[in-house]
Protein backbone atom coordinates (compact mmCIF):
# COMPACT_ATOMS: atom_id res chain seq x y z
CA MET A 1 0.01 0.01 -0.01
CA SER A 2 1.42 3.38 -1.06
CA THR A 3 0.53 6.44 0.96
CA ILE A 4 -0.17 9.68 -0.93
CA ALA A 5 -0.21 12.92 1.03
CA VAL A 6 -3.18 14.93 -0.23
CA LEU A 7 -2.67 18.66 0.48
CA SER A 8 -5.66 20.35 -1.18
CA GLY A 9 -5.05 23.83 0.21
CA ASP A 10 -7.11 26.82 -0.77
CA GLY A 11 -9.56 28.22 -3.32
CA ILE A 12 -10.38 25.71 -5.99
CA GLY A 13 -7.64 23.36 -4.70
CA PRO A 14 -10.00 21.08 -2.77
CA GLU A 15 -12.51 20.94 -5.65
CA VAL A 16 -10.02 19.79 -8.31
CA VAL A 17 -7.86 17.62 -6.05
CA GLN A 18 -10.96 15.66 -5.01
CA CYS A 19 -11.45 14.79 -8.67
CA ALA A 20 -7.78 13.74 -9.03
CA VAL A 21 -8.09 11.50 -5.99
CA ARG A 22 -11.22 9.90 -7.38
CA VAL A 23 -9.47 9.05 -10.69
CA LEU A 24 -6.38 7.83 -8.85
CA ARG A 25 -8.43 5.44 -6.80
CA GLU A 26 -10.18 4.13 -9.95
CA VAL A 27 -6.89 3.03 -11.46
CA ARG A 28 -4.94 1.98 -8.34
CA LEU A 29 -6.64 0.16 -5.51
CA ASP A 30 -3.46 -0.06 -3.48
CA VAL A 31 -3.09 3.64 -2.67
CA GLU A 32 -4.07 5.29 0.60
CA CYS A 33 -4.84 8.99 0.09
CA VAL A 34 -4.44 10.86 3.43
CA GLU A 35 -5.50 14.50 3.67
CA ALA A 36 -3.78 17.22 5.66
CA LEU A 37 -4.01 20.97 6.08
CA VAL A 38 -1.71 23.31 4.19
CA GLY A 39 -1.56 27.01 3.29
CA GLY A 40 -4.53 29.29 4.15
CA ALA A 41 -6.55 26.31 5.33
CA ALA A 42 -3.88 25.70 7.98
CA LEU A 43 -3.59 29.38 8.93
CA ARG A 44 -7.35 29.62 9.42
CA ALA A 45 -7.08 26.62 11.79
CA GLY A 46 -4.52 28.53 13.86
CA LYS A 47 -1.54 26.57 12.51
CA PRO A 48 1.51 27.60 10.46
CA PRO A 49 1.23 27.34 6.64
CA LEU A 50 3.00 23.91 6.77
CA PRO A 51 2.06 22.31 10.10
CA ASP A 52 4.29 19.67 11.69
CA ASP A 53 1.73 16.92 11.28
CA THR A 54 1.43 17.71 7.57
CA ARG A 55 5.18 17.54 7.19
CA ALA A 56 5.24 14.24 9.06
CA LEU A 57 2.64 12.87 6.65
CA CYS A 58 4.81 13.96 3.67
CA ASP A 59 7.84 12.30 5.24
CA ARG A 60 6.18 8.87 5.23
CA SER A 61 4.43 9.22 1.86
CA ALA A 62 5.39 8.08 -1.60
CA ALA A 63 4.31 11.37 -3.10
CA ILE A 64 2.40 14.60 -2.51
CA LEU A 65 -0.76 15.51 -4.43
CA PHE A 66 -1.06 19.25 -4.02
CA GLY A 67 -3.87 21.63 -4.84
CA ALA A 68 -3.08 25.35 -4.47
CA VAL A 69 -2.29 27.88 -1.80
CA GLY A 70 -2.90 31.59 -1.49
CA LEU A 71 -5.75 33.82 -0.34
CA PRO A 72 -6.20 37.55 -0.85
CA GLU A 73 -6.58 38.15 2.90
CA TYR A 74 -2.93 37.25 3.45
CA ASP A 75 -1.38 39.22 0.55
CA SER A 76 -0.10 42.00 2.78
CA LYS A 77 1.55 39.64 5.26
CA PRO A 78 5.27 38.82 5.23
CA LEU A 79 6.05 35.59 3.34
CA ALA A 80 6.52 33.57 6.56
CA GLU A 81 2.90 34.33 7.40
CA ARG A 82 1.36 33.70 3.99
CA PRO A 83 -0.05 30.47 2.56
CA GLU A 84 2.62 30.45 -0.19
CA LYS A 85 5.30 29.83 2.46
CA ALA A 86 4.14 26.19 2.60
CA LEU A 87 4.82 25.67 -1.11
CA PHE A 88 8.30 27.15 -0.95
CA SER A 89 9.11 25.12 2.12
CA LEU A 90 8.04 21.86 0.49
CA ARG A 91 10.10 22.61 -2.59
CA HIS A 92 13.15 23.56 -0.54
CA ASP A 93 13.01 21.00 2.23
CA TYR A 94 12.47 17.97 -0.08
CA GLU A 95 14.88 19.41 -2.63
CA LEU A 96 12.29 19.24 -5.42
CA TYR A 97 14.53 20.97 -7.90
CA ALA A 98 13.06 19.69 -11.18
CA ASN A 99 9.72 21.04 -12.20
CA ILE A 100 8.23 19.23 -15.21
CA ARG A 101 5.34 20.91 -17.04
CA PRO A 102 4.00 19.03 -20.08
CA VAL A 103 2.16 21.34 -22.51
CA ARG A 104 -0.14 19.46 -24.88
CA VAL A 105 -3.08 20.55 -27.08
CA PHE A 106 -5.55 17.70 -27.04
CA PRO A 107 -7.38 17.01 -30.31
CA GLY A 108 -10.53 19.03 -30.34
CA LEU A 109 -9.21 21.86 -28.18
CA GLU A 110 -7.38 23.74 -30.98
CA GLY A 111 -10.26 26.27 -31.17
CA SER A 112 -10.02 26.97 -27.43
CA SER A 113 -6.43 28.24 -27.69
CA SER A 114 -5.60 31.92 -27.69
CA LEU A 115 -3.75 31.34 -30.98
CA LEU A 116 -4.94 30.21 -34.42
CA PRO A 117 -5.75 26.49 -34.47
CA SER A 118 -3.16 25.96 -37.19
CA LEU A 119 -0.41 27.19 -34.84
CA VAL A 120 -1.23 24.84 -31.96
CA GLN A 121 -2.50 21.70 -33.67
CA GLY A 122 -0.56 18.73 -32.30
CA LEU A 123 1.44 20.92 -29.92
CA ASP A 124 3.45 18.79 -27.52
CA LEU A 125 6.33 20.35 -25.50
CA ILE A 126 7.76 20.14 -21.99
CA VAL A 127 8.96 22.97 -19.80
CA VAL A 128 11.75 21.84 -17.45
CA ARG A 129 12.07 24.51 -14.79
CA GLU A 130 14.73 24.69 -12.08
CA LEU A 131 12.69 25.03 -8.90
CA THR A 132 14.84 25.48 -5.82
CA GLY A 133 17.33 28.21 -6.81
CA GLY A 134 17.44 31.57 -8.51
CA ILE A 135 15.74 34.74 -7.37
CA TYR A 136 13.02 33.02 -5.37
CA PHE A 137 15.48 31.50 -2.93
CA GLY A 138 18.62 33.67 -3.18
CA GLN A 139 19.80 35.64 -0.17
CA PRO A 140 19.63 38.45 0.82
CA LYS A 141 15.93 38.82 0.31
CA GLU A 142 14.44 41.67 2.29
CA ARG A 143 12.74 45.02 2.51
CA ARG A 144 14.65 47.57 4.49
CA THR A 145 15.10 51.27 5.17
CA ALA A 146 18.38 52.74 3.90
CA ALA A 147 20.60 55.15 5.80
CA ASP A 148 18.94 58.05 4.02
CA GLY A 149 15.54 56.96 5.27
CA ILE A 150 14.29 55.68 1.91
CA GLU A 151 12.56 52.31 1.79
CA GLU A 152 14.16 49.75 -0.54
CA ALA A 153 13.98 46.07 -1.30
CA VAL A 154 16.40 43.43 -2.63
CA ASP A 155 16.00 39.97 -4.12
CA THR A 156 19.12 37.99 -5.07
CA MET A 157 19.37 35.80 -8.14
CA PHE A 158 21.95 33.16 -7.28
CA TYR A 159 23.01 29.88 -8.95
CA ARG A 160 25.88 27.49 -8.50
CA ALA A 161 27.13 25.33 -11.35
CA PRO A 162 26.01 21.98 -9.90
CA GLU A 163 22.41 23.29 -9.61
CA ILE A 164 22.42 24.20 -13.27
CA GLU A 165 24.01 20.95 -14.39
CA ARG A 166 21.52 18.68 -12.60
CA ILE A 167 18.47 20.48 -14.08
CA ALA A 168 20.12 20.54 -17.49
CA ARG A 169 20.60 16.77 -17.33
CA VAL A 170 16.91 16.32 -16.62
CA ALA A 171 16.05 18.31 -19.74
CA PHE A 172 18.50 16.44 -21.94
CA GLU A 173 17.23 13.11 -20.64
CA PHE A 174 13.66 14.04 -21.55
CA ALA A 175 14.80 15.28 -24.99
CA GLN A 176 16.52 11.95 -25.65
CA GLN A 177 13.12 10.21 -25.25
CA ARG A 178 11.33 12.76 -27.46
CA ARG A 179 12.40 14.79 -30.47
CA ARG A 180 16.00 15.37 -29.28
CA HIS A 181 16.04 19.10 -29.05
CA VAL A 182 16.51 21.35 -25.95
CA THR A 183 15.91 25.11 -25.99
CA SER A 184 17.74 26.70 -23.08
CA VAL A 185 16.30 30.04 -22.02
CA ASP A 186 18.39 32.73 -20.28
CA LYS A 187 19.23 36.46 -20.25
CA GLN A 188 22.91 35.97 -21.01
CA ASN A 189 23.36 39.45 -22.47
CA ILE A 190 22.58 41.09 -19.08
CA LEU A 191 22.76 38.66 -16.19
CA GLU A 192 25.89 37.01 -14.81
CA THR A 193 23.81 34.04 -13.55
CA SER A 194 22.66 33.52 -17.19
CA GLY A 195 26.22 33.66 -18.42
CA LEU A 196 27.05 30.76 -16.03
CA TRP A 197 23.82 29.05 -17.00
CA ARG A 198 24.66 29.04 -20.68
CA GLN A 199 28.21 27.84 -20.05
CA VAL A 200 27.09 24.89 -17.90
CA VAL A 201 24.32 23.90 -20.29
CA GLU A 202 26.88 23.81 -23.16
CA GLN A 203 29.16 21.66 -21.05
CA THR A 204 26.33 19.29 -20.10
CA ALA A 205 25.25 19.01 -23.73
CA GLN A 206 28.56 17.26 -24.53
CA SER A 207 27.24 14.21 -22.61
CA PHE A 208 24.19 14.03 -24.88
CA PRO A 209 25.56 14.10 -28.48
CA ALA A 210 22.28 12.94 -30.01
CA VAL A 211 20.46 16.02 -28.58
CA SER A 212 20.73 19.42 -30.19
CA VAL A 213 20.61 22.59 -28.03
CA THR A 214 19.56 26.11 -28.90
CA HIS A 215 19.88 29.15 -26.65
CA LEU A 216 17.22 31.87 -26.55
CA LEU A 217 17.02 35.07 -24.52
CA VAL A 218 13.93 35.01 -22.39
CA ASP A 219 12.19 37.91 -24.12
CA ASN A 220 12.70 36.23 -27.52
CA ALA A 221 11.52 32.89 -26.07
CA ALA A 222 8.28 34.51 -24.87
CA MET A 223 7.70 35.94 -28.33
CA GLN A 224 8.53 32.66 -30.12
CA LEU A 225 6.04 30.76 -27.97
CA ILE A 226 3.37 32.93 -29.44
CA ARG A 227 4.87 33.16 -32.94
CA ARG A 228 5.68 29.53 -33.63
CA PRO A 229 5.13 27.29 -30.59
CA ALA A 230 5.57 24.01 -32.55
CA GLN A 231 9.32 24.69 -32.87
CA PHE A 232 9.82 23.71 -29.22
CA ASP A 233 10.44 20.25 -27.81
CA VAL A 234 11.98 20.64 -24.37
CA ILE A 235 12.37 24.14 -22.88
CA LEU A 236 15.00 24.37 -20.14
CA THR A 237 14.85 27.41 -17.92
CA GLU A 238 15.76 28.83 -14.51
CA ASN A 239 13.16 29.37 -11.79
CA MET A 240 11.52 32.77 -12.49
CA PHE A 241 11.71 32.56 -16.29
CA GLY A 242 10.09 29.12 -16.13
CA ASP A 243 7.35 30.31 -13.84
CA ILE A 244 6.41 33.01 -16.40
CA LEU A 245 6.88 31.02 -19.62
CA SER A 246 4.98 27.95 -18.47
CA ASP A 247 1.94 30.03 -17.63
CA GLU A 248 2.14 31.57 -21.09
CA ALA A 249 2.45 28.15 -22.62
CA ALA A 250 -0.63 26.95 -20.69
CA MET A 251 -2.80 29.37 -22.56
CA LEU A 252 -1.76 27.77 -25.83
CA THR A 253 -3.70 24.67 -24.70
CA GLY A 254 -6.88 26.69 -24.20
CA SER A 255 -6.75 27.17 -20.44
CA ILE A 256 -4.34 27.33 -17.53
CA GLY A 257 -6.68 24.71 -16.01
CA ASN A 258 -5.24 22.12 -18.43
CA LEU A 259 -1.62 22.22 -17.30
CA PRO A 260 -0.30 19.66 -14.80
CA SER A 261 3.13 19.63 -13.16
CA ALA A 262 5.53 17.29 -11.41
CA SER A 263 8.21 18.57 -9.00
CA LEU A 264 10.87 15.90 -8.61
CA GLY A 265 13.91 15.69 -6.35
CA THR A 266 16.78 13.47 -5.31
CA ARG A 267 14.89 11.23 -2.92
CA GLY A 268 14.03 7.96 -4.64
CA ASN A 269 13.91 4.20 -4.51
CA GLY A 270 14.82 2.35 -7.64
CA ASN A 271 12.77 3.71 -10.56
CA ARG A 272 10.51 5.54 -8.17
CA ARG A 273 11.03 9.20 -7.27
CA PHE A 274 9.40 11.18 -4.48
CA GLY A 275 7.64 14.14 -5.94
CA MET A 276 4.94 16.75 -5.55
CA TYR A 277 2.24 16.92 -8.18
CA GLU A 278 0.01 19.93 -8.72
CA PRO A 279 -2.06 21.86 -11.25
CA ILE A 280 -0.49 25.25 -12.02
CA SER A 281 -3.75 27.12 -12.14
CA GLY A 282 -3.54 28.51 -8.61
CA THR A 283 -6.40 29.11 -6.17
CA ALA A 284 -8.70 31.07 -8.58
CA PRO A 285 -10.60 32.68 -5.70
CA ASP A 286 -13.12 34.28 -8.15
CA ILE A 287 -14.63 30.83 -8.98
CA ALA A 288 -13.80 28.92 -5.75
CA GLY A 289 -16.85 27.16 -4.39
CA LYS A 290 -18.94 27.45 -7.55
CA GLY A 291 -18.20 23.91 -8.78
CA ILE A 292 -17.09 25.10 -12.27
CA ALA A 293 -13.27 24.73 -11.99
CA ASN A 294 -11.53 22.72 -14.64
CA PRO A 295 -10.12 19.55 -13.00
CA THR A 296 -8.03 18.48 -16.04
CA ALA A 297 -4.67 19.68 -14.68
CA ALA A 298 -5.21 18.01 -11.30
CA ILE A 299 -6.27 14.75 -12.98
CA LEU A 300 -3.24 14.88 -15.30
CA SER A 301 -1.05 15.63 -12.29
CA ALA A 302 -2.28 12.36 -10.76
CA ALA A 303 -1.17 10.68 -13.98
CA LEU A 304 2.29 12.10 -13.56
CA LEU A 305 2.33 10.82 -9.96
CA LEU A 306 1.51 7.36 -11.24
CA ARG A 307 4.32 7.62 -13.82
CA TYR A 308 7.18 9.05 -11.73
CA SER A 309 6.47 8.17 -8.09
CA LEU A 310 4.56 4.92 -8.39
CA ASP A 311 6.41 3.72 -11.53
CA ASP A 312 3.14 2.72 -13.14
CA GLU A 313 3.26 3.79 -16.77
CA PRO A 314 0.22 1.74 -17.86
CA ALA A 315 -2.00 3.42 -15.25
CA ALA A 316 -0.63 6.86 -16.19
CA ARG A 317 -1.45 6.27 -19.79
CA ARG A 318 -4.96 5.07 -18.90
CA VAL A 319 -5.68 8.38 -17.18
CA GLU A 320 -4.21 10.44 -20.04
CA GLN A 321 -6.16 8.47 -22.63
CA ALA A 322 -9.38 8.98 -20.66
CA VAL A 323 -8.82 12.76 -20.59
CA GLU A 324 -8.12 12.83 -24.30
CA SER A 325 -11.24 10.66 -24.94
CA ALA A 326 -13.34 13.04 -22.82
CA PHE A 327 -12.24 16.03 -24.89
CA ARG A 328 -12.81 14.10 -28.13
CA SER A 329 -16.35 13.42 -27.01
CA GLY A 330 -17.00 17.18 -26.70
CA ALA A 331 -16.85 17.43 -22.93
CA ARG A 332 -15.84 20.91 -21.85
CA THR A 333 -15.70 22.90 -18.64
CA ALA A 334 -16.68 26.58 -18.69
CA ASP A 335 -13.18 27.83 -19.39
CA LEU A 336 -13.02 25.75 -22.59
CA ALA A 337 -16.60 25.89 -23.92
CA ARG A 338 -16.98 27.86 -27.11
CA GLY A 339 -19.79 28.69 -29.48
CA GLY A 340 -22.63 28.09 -27.12
CA ALA A 341 -21.53 24.57 -26.21
CA ARG A 342 -22.80 23.32 -22.88
CA ALA A 343 -20.25 23.63 -20.09
CA LEU A 344 -19.93 20.77 -17.66
CA ASN A 345 -19.32 21.41 -13.98
CA THR A 346 -16.29 20.03 -12.25
CA THR A 347 -17.93 16.80 -11.11
CA GLU A 348 -19.66 16.17 -14.43
CA PHE A 349 -16.38 16.52 -16.36
CA THR A 350 -14.71 14.04 -13.93
CA ASP A 351 -17.64 11.61 -14.44
CA VAL A 352 -16.89 11.64 -18.19
CA VAL A 353 -13.17 10.98 -17.56
CA VAL A 354 -13.89 8.09 -15.18
CA ALA A 355 -16.39 6.54 -17.61
CA ARG A 356 -13.77 6.63 -20.35
CA LEU A 357 -10.93 5.05 -18.41
CA PRO A 358 -9.65 2.09 -20.52
CA ARG A 359 -10.51 -1.11 -18.76
């Protein structure tokens, strides 16, 4: 029996994670999904964003299925007192340095994209984002009052060569199994960290002679994702650039509610890797509690959990095929419905996916 820590969190997190858990239990009878508080839900219960009992559950689990954290009422608080602190702590403490974000346009969803259908038809790329370094974790990070009495703030972008090499290897390994091309994104013309980034990526590429590598400045990469997204296979990027570009890439699929993610680290056992799996759509407080959230990203995150942490490729493919079949049948949530098509609510869409799981 494999224990999965279910940290649903805030906003639409509980709604979509419940759907993912339902699908997970349909394809694997030997998983125990145990829920615990995190983020704003924990703060409202008088606990820290990542309570000790939640951390203890994660310690004994094979993987974490995560929802979302963040509530407007905490936006003015320091980071240590905000729901987002839990997410950063999990990434840092479990050294979940490799964030994998598959970006795929399912057949039938081309008309839901922000771009022309001809530009996104068959789109299939992966964003590999470094997750535990860069400006989000560099020190010093603070707001302060200078000697002249003026308020100022500083965030530090910091990378060491081994951090870059290990995430580059992840990207090249993925590319070897796909179309053998890595696009490394940086800002080498301005940032010293990007100069080191490009140097280490070039050195790492020598160990993968079958994979070609292209370097793009981040502003050009953002433009090219809109101009000609099909040119990309694996996009390799540091933390902040990857955060921005993957959200942009999500809209190519029709909705940010479609994009799953896996955050993987060094802890593992054989082919299995401990990881945290989450939709990238955030808490979406404007639609929370209405039952209309798109559960696709959460369900596909459960598929990634099956693939990487439970080493169950057949079950992962069953889930992905069921989602594709649901879209082919015309099933749409409100964020994807076009032309007067009926929008399914969160539960109804999940019903369609479950009914179409290959037996």
